[in-house]
PDB file of N, CA and C in Angstrom:
ATOM      1  N   MET A   1       2.262  26.771   4.574  1.00  0.00           N
ATOM      2  CA  MET A   1       2.161  25.321   4.660  1.00  0.00           C
ATOM      3  C   MET A   1       1.331  24.832   3.487  1.00  0.00           C
ATOM      4  N   ASN A   2       1.745  23.717   2.909  1.00  0.00           N
ATOM      5  CA  ASN A   2       0.989  23.081   1.838  1.00  0.00           C
ATOM      6  C   ASN A   2       0.655  21.655   2.280  1.00  0.00           C
ATOM      7  N   VAL A   3      -0.614  21.356   2.422  1.00  0.00           N
ATOM      8  CA  VAL A   3      -1.071  20.022   2.819  1.00  0.00           C
ATOM      9  C   VAL A   3      -1.658  19.336   1.597  1.00  0.00           C
ATOM     10  N   THR A   4      -1.234  18.110   1.345  1.00  0.00           N
ATOM     11  CA  THR A   4      -1.825  17.295   0.291  1.00  0.00           C
ATOM     12  C   THR A   4      -2.498  16.105   0.955  1.00  0.00           C
ATOM     13  N   ARG A   5      -3.794  16.043   0.866  1.00  0.00           N
ATOM     14  CA  ARG A   5      -4.535  14.891   1.375  1.00  0.00           C
ATOM     15  C   ARG A   5      -4.373  13.747   0.385  1.00  0.00           C
ATOM     16  N   ILE A   6      -4.193  12.552   0.890  1.00  0.00           N
ATOM     17  CA  ILE A   6      -3.911  11.406   0.030  1.00  0.00           C
ATOM     18  C   ILE A   6      -4.980  11.224  -1.042  1.00  0.00           C
ATOM     19  N   GLU A   7      -6.245  11.485  -0.697  1.00  0.00           N
ATOM     20  CA  GLU A   7      -7.310  11.301  -1.690  1.00  0.00           C
ATOM     21  C   GLU A   7      -7.275  12.365  -2.784  1.00  0.00           C
ATOM     22  N   ALA A   8      -6.523  13.451  -2.570  1.00  0.00           N
ATOM     23  CA  ALA A   8      -6.406  14.510  -3.574  1.00  0.00           C
ATOM     24  C   ALA A   8      -5.034  14.530  -4.251  1.00  0.00           C
ATOM     25  N   ALA A   9      -4.140  13.623  -3.880  1.00  0.00           N
ATOM     26  CA  ALA A   9      -2.798  13.603  -4.472  1.00  0.00           C
ATOM     27  C   ALA A   9      -2.902  13.280  -5.965  1.00  0.00           C
ATOM     28  N   PRO A  10      -2.279  14.110  -6.812  1.00  0.00           N
ATOM     29  CA  PRO A  10      -2.373  13.853  -8.247  1.00  0.00           C
ATOM     30  C   PRO A  10      -1.569  12.622  -8.661  1.00  0.00           C
ATOM     31  N   GLN A  11      -2.156  11.860  -9.544  1.00  0.00           N
ATOM     32  CA  GLN A  11      -1.472  10.684 -10.087  1.00  0.00           C
ATOM     33  C   GLN A  11      -0.567  11.142 -11.223  1.00  0.00           C
ATOM     34  N   TYR A  12       0.585  10.505 -11.356  1.00  0.00           N
ATOM     35  CA  TYR A  12       1.467  10.789 -12.491  1.00  0.00           C
ATOM     36  C   TYR A  12       1.927   9.465 -13.078  1.00  0.00           C
ATOM     37  N   HIS A  13       2.433   9.508 -14.309  1.00  0.00           N
ATOM     38  CA  HIS A  13       2.731   8.288 -15.054  1.00  0.00           C
ATOM     39  C   HIS A  13       4.158   8.340 -15.610  1.00  0.00           C
ATOM     40  N   PRO A  14       5.135   7.983 -14.784  1.00  0.00           N
ATOM     41  CA  PRO A  14       6.510   8.010 -15.278  1.00  0.00           C
ATOM     42  C   PRO A  14       6.748   6.896 -16.300  1.00  0.00           C
ATOM     43  N   PRO A  15       7.610   7.142 -17.271  1.00  0.00           N
ATOM     44  CA  PRO A  15       7.896   6.107 -18.270  1.00  0.00           C
ATOM     45  C   PRO A  15       8.620   4.915 -17.646  1.00  0.00           C
ATOM     46  N   GLU A  16       8.433   3.759 -18.246  1.00  0.00           N
ATOM     47  CA  GLU A  16       9.129   2.531 -17.842  1.00  0.00           C
ATOM     48  C   GLU A  16       8.805   2.087 -16.421  1.00  0.00           C
ATOM     49  N   HIS A  17       7.600   2.398 -15.938  1.00  0.00           N
ATOM     50  CA  HIS A  17       7.074   1.919 -14.652  1.00  0.00           C
ATOM     51  C   HIS A  17       5.873   1.031 -14.971  1.00  0.00           C
ATOM     52  N   PHE A  18       5.897  -0.215 -14.529  1.00  0.00           N
ATOM     53  CA  PHE A  18       4.894  -1.197 -14.919  1.00  0.00           C
ATOM     54  C   PHE A  18       4.169  -1.735 -13.686  1.00  0.00           C
ATOM     55  N   ASP A  19       2.842  -1.805 -13.765  1.00  0.00           N
ATOM     56  CA  ASP A  19       2.008  -2.269 -12.653  1.00  0.00           C
ATOM     57  C   ASP A  19       2.292  -1.467 -11.387  1.00  0.00           C
ATOM     58  N   MET A  20       2.345  -0.150 -11.573  1.00  0.00           N
ATOM     59  CA  MET A  20       2.586   0.769 -10.466  1.00  0.00           C
ATOM     60  C   MET A  20       1.572   1.905 -10.539  1.00  0.00           C
ATOM     61  N   ARG A  21       1.146   2.366  -9.382  1.00  0.00           N
ATOM     62  CA  ARG A  21       0.300   3.567  -9.267  1.00  0.00           C
ATOM     63  C   ARG A  21       1.127   4.610  -8.528  1.00  0.00           C
ATOM     64  N   CYS A  22       1.425   5.726  -9.187  1.00  0.00           N
ATOM     65  CA  CYS A  22       2.321   6.744  -8.643  1.00  0.00           C
ATOM     66  C   CYS A  22       1.537   8.013  -8.322  1.00  0.00           C
ATOM     67  N   LEU A  23       1.714   8.514  -7.111  1.00  0.00           N
ATOM     68  CA  LEU A  23       1.047   9.728  -6.658  1.00  0.00           C
ATOM     69  C   LEU A  23       2.079  10.767  -6.266  1.00  0.00           C
ATOM     70  N   ARG A  24       1.808  12.021  -6.590  1.00  0.00           N
ATOM     71  CA  ARG A  24       2.664  13.122  -6.187  1.00  0.00           C
ATOM     72  C   ARG A  24       2.128  13.645  -4.855  1.00  0.00           C
ATOM     73  N   LEU A  25       2.959  13.641  -3.822  1.00  0.00           N
ATOM     74  CA  LEU A  25       2.541  14.086  -2.492  1.00  0.00           C
ATOM     75  C   LEU A  25       2.889  15.546  -2.231  1.00  0.00           C
ATOM     76  N   GLN A  26       4.042  15.974  -2.685  1.00  0.00           N
ATOM     77  CA  GLN A  26       4.488  17.366  -2.519  1.00  0.00           C
ATOM     78  C   GLN A  26       5.320  17.754  -3.732  1.00  0.00           C
ATOM     79  N   GLY A  27       5.306  19.035  -4.055  1.00  0.00           N
ATOM     80  CA  GLY A  27       6.074  19.538  -5.184  1.00  0.00           C
ATOM     81  C   GLY A  27       5.373  19.272  -6.508  1.00  0.00           C
ATOM     82  N   MET A  28       5.904  19.891  -7.553  1.00  0.00           N
ATOM     83  CA  MET A  28       5.354  19.765  -8.903  1.00  0.00           C
ATOM     84  C   MET A  28       3.853  20.085  -8.884  1.00  0.00           C
ATOM     85  N   GLU A  29       3.025  19.223  -9.474  1.00  0.00           N
ATOM     86  CA  GLU A  29       1.593  19.505  -9.538  1.00  0.00           C
ATOM     87  C   GLU A  29       0.875  19.352  -8.201  1.00  0.00           C
ATOM     88  N   ALA A  30       1.559  18.854  -7.168  1.00  0.00           N
ATOM     89  CA  ALA A  30       0.947  18.724  -5.836  1.00  0.00           C
ATOM     90  C   ALA A  30       1.120  19.985  -4.992  1.00  0.00           C
ATOM     91  N   GLY A  31       1.884  20.949  -5.464  1.00  0.00           N
ATOM     92  CA  GLY A  31       2.039  22.187  -4.715  1.00  0.00           C
ATOM     93  C   GLY A  31       3.456  22.716  -4.765  1.00  0.00           C
ATOM     94  N   PRO A  32       3.680  23.837  -4.123  1.00  0.00           N
ATOM     95  CA  PRO A  32       4.978  24.505  -4.217  1.00  0.00           C
ATOM     96  C   PRO A  32       6.089  23.761  -3.483  1.00  0.00           C
ATOM     97  N   SER A  33       7.265  23.818  -4.063  1.00  0.00           N
ATOM     98  CA  SER A  33       8.481  23.326  -3.426  1.00  0.00           C
ATOM     99  C   SER A  33       9.646  23.978  -4.151  1.00  0.00           C
ATOM    100  N   GLU A  34      10.663  24.337  -3.412  1.00  0.00           N
ATOM    101  CA  GLU A  34      11.798  25.024  -4.018  1.00  0.00           C
ATOM    102  C   GLU A  34      12.937  24.098  -4.401  1.00  0.00           C
ATOM    103  N   THR A  35      13.057  22.942  -3.741  1.00  0.00           N
ATOM    104  CA  THR A  35      14.248  22.133  -3.983  1.00  0.00           C
ATOM    105  C   THR A  35      13.988  20.667  -4.326  1.00  0.00           C
ATOM    106  N   PHE A  36      12.905  20.080  -3.821  1.00  0.00           N
ATOM    107  CA  PHE A  36      12.678  18.661  -4.087  1.00  0.00           C
ATOM    108  C   PHE A  36      11.186  18.378  -4.156  1.00  0.00           C
ATOM    109  N   TRP A  37      10.852  17.169  -4.584  1.00  0.00           N
ATOM    110  CA  TRP A  37       9.462  16.717  -4.589  1.00  0.00           C
ATOM    111  C   TRP A  37       9.394  15.343  -3.949  1.00  0.00           C
ATOM    112  N   MET A  38       8.182  14.953  -3.542  1.00  0.00           N
ATOM    113  CA  MET A  38       7.978  13.672  -2.873  1.00  0.00           C
ATOM    114  C   MET A  38       6.802  12.959  -3.526  1.00  0.00           C
ATOM    115  N   GLY A  39       6.997  11.687  -3.792  1.00  0.00           N
ATOM    116  CA  GLY A  39       5.937  10.873  -4.375  1.00  0.00           C
ATOM    117  C   GLY A  39       5.778   9.582  -3.608  1.00  0.00           C
ATOM    118  N   MET A  40       4.693   8.892  -3.902  1.00  0.00           N
ATOM    119  CA  MET A  40       4.433   7.590  -3.304  1.00  0.00           C
ATOM    120  C   MET A  40       3.960   6.660  -4.406  1.00  0.00           C
ATOM    121  N   SER A  41       4.491   5.457  -4.425  1.00  0.00           N
ATOM    122  CA  SER A  41       4.114   4.476  -5.436  1.00  0.00           C
ATOM    123  C   SER A  41       3.648   3.193  -4.778  1.00  0.00           C
ATOM    124  N   GLU A  42       2.545   2.662  -5.315  1.00  0.00           N
ATOM    125  CA  GLU A  42       2.098   1.332  -4.946  1.00  0.00           C
ATOM    126  C   GLU A  42       2.521   0.411  -6.080  1.00  0.00           C
ATOM    127  N   ILE A  43       3.297  -0.592  -5.723  1.00  0.00           N
ATOM    128  CA  ILE A  43       3.825  -1.515  -6.720  1.00  0.00           C
ATOM    129  C   ILE A  43       3.130  -2.856  -6.528  1.00  0.00           C
ATOM    130  N   ALA A  44       2.359  -3.268  -7.526  1.00  0.00           N
ATOM    131  CA  ALA A  44       1.647  -4.539  -7.472  1.00  0.00           C
ATOM    132  C   ALA A  44       2.641  -5.697  -7.522  1.00  0.00           C
ATOM    133  N   PRO A  45       2.248  -6.876  -7.034  1.00  0.00           N
ATOM    134  CA  PRO A  45       3.115  -8.044  -7.209  1.00  0.00           C
ATOM    135  C   PRO A  45       3.484  -8.202  -8.688  1.00  0.00           C
ATOM    136  N   GLY A  46       4.765  -8.347  -8.946  1.00  0.00           N
ATOM    137  CA  GLY A  46       5.251  -8.418 -10.318  1.00  0.00           C
ATOM    138  C   GLY A  46       5.530  -7.065 -10.941  1.00  0.00           C
ATOM    139  N   GLY A  47       5.113  -5.980 -10.284  1.00  0.00           N
ATOM    140  CA  GLY A  47       5.365  -4.641 -10.802  1.00  0.00           C
ATOM    141  C   GLY A  47       6.840  -4.291 -10.716  1.00  0.00           C
ATOM    142  N   HIS A  48       7.259  -3.400 -11.610  1.00  0.00           N
ATOM    143  CA  HIS A  48       8.686  -3.058 -11.661  1.00  0.00           C
ATOM    144  C   HIS A  48       8.925  -1.804 -12.493  1.00  0.00           C
ATOM    145  N   THR A  49      10.157  -1.325 -12.423  1.00  0.00           N
ATOM    146  CA  THR A  49      10.651  -0.310 -13.338  1.00  0.00           C
ATOM    147  C   THR A  49      11.719  -0.962 -14.202  1.00  0.00           C
ATOM    148  N   SER A  50      12.043  -0.324 -15.302  1.00  0.00           N
ATOM    149  CA  SER A  50      13.185  -0.797 -16.081  1.00  0.00           C
ATOM    150  C   SER A  50      14.473  -0.304 -15.402  1.00  0.00           C
ATOM    151  N   LEU A  51      15.585  -0.899 -15.772  1.00  0.00           N
ATOM    152  CA  LEU A  51      16.882  -0.472 -15.264  1.00  0.00           C
ATOM    153  C   LEU A  51      17.270   0.794 -16.023  1.00  0.00           C
ATOM    154  N   SER A  52      17.335   1.904 -15.308  1.00  0.00           N
ATOM    155  CA  SER A  52      17.696   3.166 -15.954  1.00  0.00           C
ATOM    156  C   SER A  52      18.316   4.099 -14.923  1.00  0.00           C
ATOM    157  N   ALA A  53      19.032   5.079 -15.434  1.00  0.00           N
ATOM    158  CA  ALA A  53      19.697   6.069 -14.579  1.00  0.00           C
ATOM    159  C   ALA A  53      19.136   7.451 -14.903  1.00  0.00           C
ATOM    160  N   SER A  54      19.232   8.328 -13.924  1.00  0.00           N
ATOM    161  CA  SER A  54      18.900   9.725 -14.156  1.00  0.00           C
ATOM    162  C   SER A  54      20.013  10.567 -13.533  1.00  0.00           C
ATOM    163  N   PRO A  55      20.092  11.830 -13.900  1.00  0.00           N
ATOM    164  CA  PRO A  55      21.147  12.665 -13.323  1.00  0.00           C
ATOM    165  C   PRO A  55      20.840  13.150 -11.907  1.00  0.00           C
ATOM    166  N   TYR A  56      19.749  12.640 -11.315  1.00  0.00           N
ATOM    167  CA  TYR A  56      19.300  13.137 -10.018  1.00  0.00           C
ATOM    168  C   TYR A  56      19.383  12.076  -8.928  1.00  0.00           C
ATOM    169  N   GLU A  57      19.782  12.503  -7.741  1.00  0.00           N
ATOM    170  CA  GLU A  57      19.777  11.645  -6.566  1.00  0.00           C
ATOM    171  C   GLU A  57      18.339  11.250  -6.232  1.00  0.00           C
ATOM    172  N   LYS A  58      18.134  10.002  -5.787  1.00  0.00           N
ATOM    173  CA  LYS A  58      16.805   9.522  -5.407  1.00  0.00           C
ATOM    174  C   LYS A  58      16.904   8.854  -4.037  1.00  0.00           C
ATOM    175  N   LEU A  59      15.904   9.104  -3.200  1.00  0.00           N
ATOM    176  CA  LEU A  59      15.806   8.469  -1.891  1.00  0.00           C
ATOM    177  C   LEU A  59      14.502   7.677  -1.853  1.00  0.00           C
ATOM    178  N   TYR A  60      14.570   6.417  -1.479  1.00  0.00           N
ATOM    179  CA  TYR A  60      13.398   5.549  -1.378  1.00  0.00           C
ATOM    180  C   TYR A  60      13.216   5.086   0.056  1.00  0.00           C
ATOM    181  N   LEU A  61      11.953   5.009   0.487  1.00  0.00           N
ATOM    182  CA  LEU A  61      11.577   4.485   1.794  1.00  0.00           C
ATOM    183  C   LEU A  61      10.427   3.509   1.586  1.00  0.00           C
ATOM    184  N   VAL A  62      10.579   2.287   2.061  1.00  0.00           N
ATOM    185  CA  VAL A  62       9.508   1.298   1.970  1.00  0.00           C
ATOM    186  C   VAL A  62       8.573   1.496   3.158  1.00  0.00           C
ATOM    187  N   VAL A  63       7.288   1.688   2.863  1.00  0.00           N
ATOM    188  CA  VAL A  63       6.289   1.897   3.901  1.00  0.00           C
ATOM    189  C   VAL A  63       5.556   0.591   4.212  1.00  0.00           C
ATOM    190  N   GLU A  64       5.282  -0.187   3.182  1.00  0.00           N
ATOM    191  CA  GLU A  64       4.629  -1.494   3.344  1.00  0.00           C
ATOM    192  C   GLU A  64       5.224  -2.477   2.344  1.00  0.00           C
ATOM    193  N   GLY A  65       5.216  -3.755   2.705  1.00  0.00           N
ATOM    194  CA  GLY A  65       5.693  -4.790   1.794  1.00  0.00           C
ATOM    195  C   GLY A  65       7.197  -4.798   1.695  1.00  0.00           C
ATOM    196  N   GLU A  66       7.694  -5.279   0.555  1.00  0.00           N
ATOM    197  CA  GLU A  66       9.125  -5.287   0.300  1.00  0.00           C
ATOM    198  C   GLU A  66       9.371  -5.131  -1.191  1.00  0.00           C
ATOM    199  N   ILE A  67      10.501  -4.533  -1.515  1.00  0.00           N
ATOM    200  CA  ILE A  67      10.907  -4.384  -2.904  1.00  0.00           C
ATOM    201  C   ILE A  67      12.364  -4.786  -3.038  1.00  0.00           C
ATOM    202  N   VAL A  68      12.725  -5.160  -4.251  1.00  0.00           N
ATOM    203  CA  VAL A  68      14.114  -5.422  -4.587  1.00  0.00           C
ATOM    204  C   VAL A  68      14.605  -4.227  -5.393  1.00  0.00           C
ATOM    205  N   VAL A  69      15.706  -3.637  -4.949  1.00  0.00           N
ATOM    206  CA  VAL A  69      16.343  -2.548  -5.671  1.00  0.00           C
ATOM    207  C   VAL A  69      17.622  -3.110  -6.276  1.00  0.00           C
ATOM    208  N   GLY A  70      17.742  -3.000  -7.584  1.00  0.00           N
ATOM    209  CA  GLY A  70      18.931  -3.475  -8.275  1.00  0.00           C
ATOM    210  C   GLY A  70      19.610  -2.344  -9.007  1.00  0.00           C
ATOM    211  N   THR A  71      20.941  -2.415  -9.083  1.00  0.00           N
ATOM    212  CA  THR A  71      21.709  -1.389  -9.786  1.00  0.00           C
ATOM    213  C   THR A  71      22.354  -1.921 -11.055  1.00  0.00           C
ATOM    214  N   GLY A  72      22.136  -3.179 -11.354  1.00  0.00           N
ATOM    215  CA  GLY A  72      22.860  -3.813 -12.450  1.00  0.00           C
ATOM    216  C   GLY A  72      24.077  -4.557 -11.945  1.00  0.00           C
ATOM    217  N   ASP A  73      24.663  -4.081 -10.832  1.00  0.00           N
ATOM    218  CA  ASP A  73      25.825  -4.735 -10.216  1.00  0.00           C
ATOM    219  C   ASP A  73      25.468  -5.455  -8.926  1.00  0.00           C
ATOM    220  N   GLU A  74      24.442  -4.964  -8.236  1.00  0.00           N
ATOM    221  CA  GLU A  74      24.049  -5.554  -6.955  1.00  0.00           C
ATOM    222  C   GLU A  74      22.555  -5.378  -6.741  1.00  0.00           C
ATOM    223  N   GLU A  75      22.012  -6.164  -5.814  1.00  0.00           N
ATOM    224  CA  GLU A  75      20.607  -6.083  -5.425  1.00  0.00           C
ATOM    225  C   GLU A  75      20.504  -6.009  -3.914  1.00  0.00           C
ATOM    226  N   ALA A  76      19.443  -5.342  -3.452  1.00  0.00           N
ATOM    227  CA  ALA A  76      19.135  -5.308  -2.027  1.00  0.00           C
ATOM    228  C   ALA A  76      17.634  -5.468  -1.873  1.00  0.00           C
ATOM    229  N   VAL A  77      17.221  -6.303  -0.915  1.00  0.00           N
ATOM    230  CA  VAL A  77      15.809  -6.435  -0.583  1.00  0.00           C
ATOM    231  C   VAL A  77      15.527  -5.451   0.536  1.00  0.00           C
ATOM    232  N   LEU A  78      14.571  -4.546   0.294  1.00  0.00           N
ATOM    233  CA  LEU A  78      14.180  -3.560   1.298  1.00  0.00           C
ATOM    234  C   LEU A  78      12.839  -3.954   1.884  1.00  0.00           C
ATOM    235  N   HIS A  79      12.781  -3.990   3.200  1.00  0.00           N
ATOM    236  CA  HIS A  79      11.564  -4.319   3.934  1.00  0.00           C
ATOM    237  C   HIS A  79      10.977  -3.038   4.531  1.00  0.00           C
ATOM    238  N   ARG A  80       9.856  -3.176   5.214  1.00  0.00           N
ATOM    239  CA  ARG A  80       9.160  -2.045   5.828  1.00  0.00           C
ATOM    240  C   ARG A  80      10.134  -1.171   6.634  1.00  0.00           C
ATOM    241  N   LEU A  81      10.135   0.104   6.329  1.00  0.00           N
ATOM    242  CA  LEU A  81      10.933   1.161   6.948  1.00  0.00           C
ATOM    243  C   LEU A  81      12.414   1.116   6.599  1.00  0.00           C
ATOM    244  N   ASP A  82      12.820   0.235   5.672  1.00  0.00           N
ATOM    245  CA  ASP A  82      14.162   0.297   5.114  1.00  0.00           C
ATOM    246  C   ASP A  82      14.181   1.392   4.052  1.00  0.00           C
ATOM    247  N   SER A  83      15.349   1.966   3.838  1.00  0.00           N
ATOM    248  CA  SER A  83      15.486   3.010   2.836  1.00  0.00           C
ATOM    249  C   SER A  83      16.785   2.825   2.068  1.00  0.00           C
ATOM    250  N   CYS A  84      16.879   3.497   0.928  1.00  0.00           N
ATOM    251  CA  CYS A  84      18.127   3.481   0.178  1.00  0.00           C
ATOM    252  C   CYS A  84      18.270   4.766  -0.615  1.00  0.00           C
ATOM    253  N   ARG A  85      19.501   5.047  -0.968  1.00  0.00           N
ATOM    254  CA  ARG A  85      19.847   6.195  -1.803  1.00  0.00           C
ATOM    255  C   ARG A  85      20.396   5.680  -3.120  1.00  0.00           C
ATOM    256  N   ILE A  86      19.947   6.274  -4.199  1.00  0.00           N
ATOM    257  CA  ILE A  86      20.502   6.027  -5.517  1.00  0.00           C
ATOM    258  C   ILE A  86      21.223   7.305  -5.932  1.00  0.00           C
ATOM    259  N   ALA A  87      22.495   7.192  -6.223  1.00  0.00           N
ATOM    260  CA  ALA A  87      23.317   8.359  -6.544  1.00  0.00           C
ATOM    261  C   ALA A  87      22.976   8.905  -7.927  1.00  0.00           C
ATOM    262  N   PRO A  88      23.255  10.161  -8.171  1.00  0.00           N
ATOM    263  CA  PRO A  88      23.068  10.711  -9.513  1.00  0.00           C
ATOM    264  C   PRO A  88      23.847   9.878 -10.535  1.00  0.00           C
ATOM    265  N   GLY A  89      23.194   9.521 -11.624  1.00  0.00           N
ATOM    266  CA  GLY A  89      23.831   8.734 -12.673  1.00  0.00           C
ATOM    267  C   GLY A  89      23.879   7.239 -12.427  1.00  0.00           C
ATOM    268  N   GLU A  90      23.475   6.785 -11.228  1.00  0.00           N
ATOM    269  CA  GLU A  90      23.485   5.357 -10.911  1.00  0.00           C
ATOM    270  C   GLU A  90      22.194   4.717 -11.430  1.00  0.00           C
ATOM    271  N   ALA A  91      22.332   3.657 -12.204  1.00  0.00           N
ATOM    272  CA  ALA A  91      21.148   2.956 -12.710  1.00  0.00           C
ATOM    273  C   ALA A  91      20.458   2.241 -11.561  1.00  0.00           C
ATOM    274  N   ARG A  92      19.121   2.123 -11.676  1.00  0.00           N
ATOM    275  CA  ARG A  92      18.351   1.406 -10.658  1.00  0.00           C
ATOM    276  C   ARG A  92      17.150   0.744 -11.311  1.00  0.00           C
ATOM    277  N   LYS A  93      16.760  -0.368 -10.689  1.00  0.00           N
ATOM    278  CA  LYS A  93      15.531  -1.066 -11.054  1.00  0.00           C
ATOM    279  C   LYS A  93      14.820  -1.406  -9.756  1.00  0.00           C
ATOM    280  N   LEU A  94      13.515  -1.149  -9.708  1.00  0.00           N
ATOM    281  CA  LEU A  94      12.687  -1.540  -8.568  1.00  0.00           C
ATOM    282  C   LEU A  94      11.816  -2.695  -9.001  1.00  0.00           C
ATOM    283  N   GLU A  95      11.609  -3.663  -8.105  1.00  0.00           N
ATOM    284  CA  GLU A  95      10.788  -4.822  -8.453  1.00  0.00           C
ATOM    285  C   GLU A  95      10.092  -5.367  -7.204  1.00  0.00           C
ATOM    286  N   ASN A  96       8.813  -5.667  -7.352  1.00  0.00           N
ATOM    287  CA  ASN A  96       8.067  -6.329  -6.280  1.00  0.00           C
ATOM    288  C   ASN A  96       7.975  -7.802  -6.641  1.00  0.00           C
ATOM    289  N   ARG A  97       8.778  -8.622  -6.002  1.00  0.00           N
ATOM    290  CA  ARG A  97       8.774 -10.068  -6.246  1.00  0.00           C
ATOM    291  C   ARG A  97       7.857 -10.806  -5.283  1.00  0.00           C
ATOM    292  N   GLY A  98       7.222 -10.073  -4.378  1.00  0.00           N
ATOM    293  CA  GLY A  98       6.357 -10.683  -3.373  1.00  0.00           C
ATOM    294  C   GLY A  98       4.954 -10.942  -3.875  1.00  0.00           C
ATOM    295  N   GLN A  99       4.085 -11.332  -2.945  1.00  0.00           N
ATOM    296  CA  GLN A  99       2.702 -11.677  -3.260  1.00  0.00           C
ATOM    297  C   GLN A  99       1.701 -10.603  -2.836  1.00  0.00           C
ATOM    298  N   VAL A 100       2.195  -9.537  -2.201  1.00  0.00           N
ATOM    299  CA  VAL A 100       1.326  -8.442  -1.754  1.00  0.00           C
ATOM    300  C   VAL A 100       1.876  -7.127  -2.295  1.00  0.00           C
ATOM    301  N   PRO A 101       1.020  -6.124  -2.464  1.00  0.00           N
ATOM    302  CA  PRO A 101       1.507  -4.832  -2.948  1.00  0.00           C
ATOM    303  C   PRO A 101       2.540  -4.223  -1.998  1.00  0.00           C
ATOM    304  N   ALA A 102       3.442  -3.464  -2.564  1.00  0.00           N
ATOM    305  CA  ALA A 102       4.437  -2.718  -1.791  1.00  0.00           C
ATOM    306  C   ALA A 102       4.141  -1.234  -1.951  1.00  0.00           C
ATOM    307  N   LEU A 103       4.414  -0.475  -0.909  1.00  0.00           N
ATOM    308  CA  LEU A 103       4.188   0.964  -0.915  1.00  0.00           C
ATOM    309  C   LEU A 103       5.512   1.638  -0.592  1.00  0.00           C
ATOM    310  N   ILE A 104       5.968   2.512  -1.494  1.00  0.00           N
ATOM    311  CA  ILE A 104       7.242   3.197  -1.284  1.00  0.00           C
ATOM    312  C   ILE A 104       7.065   4.699  -1.432  1.00  0.00           C
ATOM    313  N   VAL A 105       7.916   5.447  -0.743  1.00  0.00           N
ATOM    314  CA  VAL A 105       7.974   6.901  -0.851  1.00  0.00           C
ATOM    315  C   VAL A 105       9.283   7.242  -1.553  1.00  0.00           C
ATOM    316  N   LEU A 106       9.204   8.196  -2.466  1.00  0.00           N
ATOM    317  CA  LEU A 106      10.359   8.663  -3.226  1.00  0.00           C
ATOM    318  C   LEU A 106      10.538  10.154  -2.985  1.00  0.00           C
ATOM    319  N   CYS A 107      11.762  10.573  -2.724  1.00  0.00           N
ATOM    320  CA  CYS A 107      12.105  11.996  -2.654  1.00  0.00           C
ATOM    321  C   CYS A 107      13.265  12.234  -3.611  1.00  0.00           C
ATOM    322  N   MET A 108      13.141  13.296  -4.417  1.00  0.00           N
ATOM    323  CA  MET A 108      14.230  13.638  -5.330  1.00  0.00           C
ATOM    324  C   MET A 108      14.187  15.122  -5.673  1.00  0.00           C
ATOM    325  N   PRO A 109      15.294  15.662  -6.151  1.00  0.00           N
ATOM    326  CA  PRO A 109      15.334  17.086  -6.470  1.00  0.00           C
ATOM    327  C   PRO A 109      14.389  17.428  -7.617  1.00  0.00           C
ATOM    328  N   LEU A 110      13.932  18.663  -7.597  1.00  0.00           N
ATOM    329  CA  LEU A 110      13.164  19.146  -8.737  1.00  0.00           C
ATOM    330  C   LEU A 110      14.074  19.181  -9.951  1.00  0.00           C
ATOM    331  N   THR A 111      13.541  18.806 -11.094  1.00  0.00           N
ATOM    332  CA  THR A 111      14.328  18.843 -12.317  1.00  0.00           C
ATOM    333  C   THR A 111      14.241  20.198 -12.983  1.00  0.00           C
ATOM    334  N   GLU A 112      13.255  20.983 -12.583  1.00  0.00           N
ATOM    335  CA  GLU A 112      13.104  22.349 -13.079  1.00  0.00           C
ATOM    336  C   GLU A 112      12.322  23.139 -12.059  1.00  0.00           C
ATOM    337  N   LYS A 113      12.532  24.400 -12.031  1.00  0.00           N
ATOM    338  CA  LYS A 113      11.793  25.281 -11.118  1.00  0.00           C
ATOM    339  C   LYS A 113      10.411  25.528 -11.676  1.00  0.00           C
ATOM    340  N   LYS A 114       9.404  25.438 -10.825  1.00  0.00           N
ATOM    341  CA  LYS A 114       8.036  25.744 -11.224  1.00  0.00           C
ATOM    342  C   LYS A 114       7.727  27.176 -10.832  1.00  0.00           C
ATOM    343  N   ALA A 115       7.122  27.909 -11.732  1.00  0.00           N
ATOM    344  CA  ALA A 115       6.790  29.313 -11.459  1.00  0.00           C
ATOM    345  C   ALA A 115       5.631  29.424 -10.481  1.00  0.00           C
TER     346      ALA A 115
END
């Protein structure tokens, strides 16, 4: 078992993420995982990502607040405990248009195996 206490979760800085604090909860530098990793991001009001795609499937879960997820073709407002899947190669943009911070959990496959 690998336990990551929130106060010890390592912070990471993905490119094209603005006014966001991202923490690794499991996998990568937070501990061993064979297939996927899990992170949590706090998105300040006005915080966002750029519209971009990756070759990896992504799963998002809103824990607090609300975010807008856009694909370039459509948008969805996700509220507390709503979730969405972004397919491999599908562009996505996250945005907090509200007045309070939003907290989201991200799960996605490992991009490389860690020794």
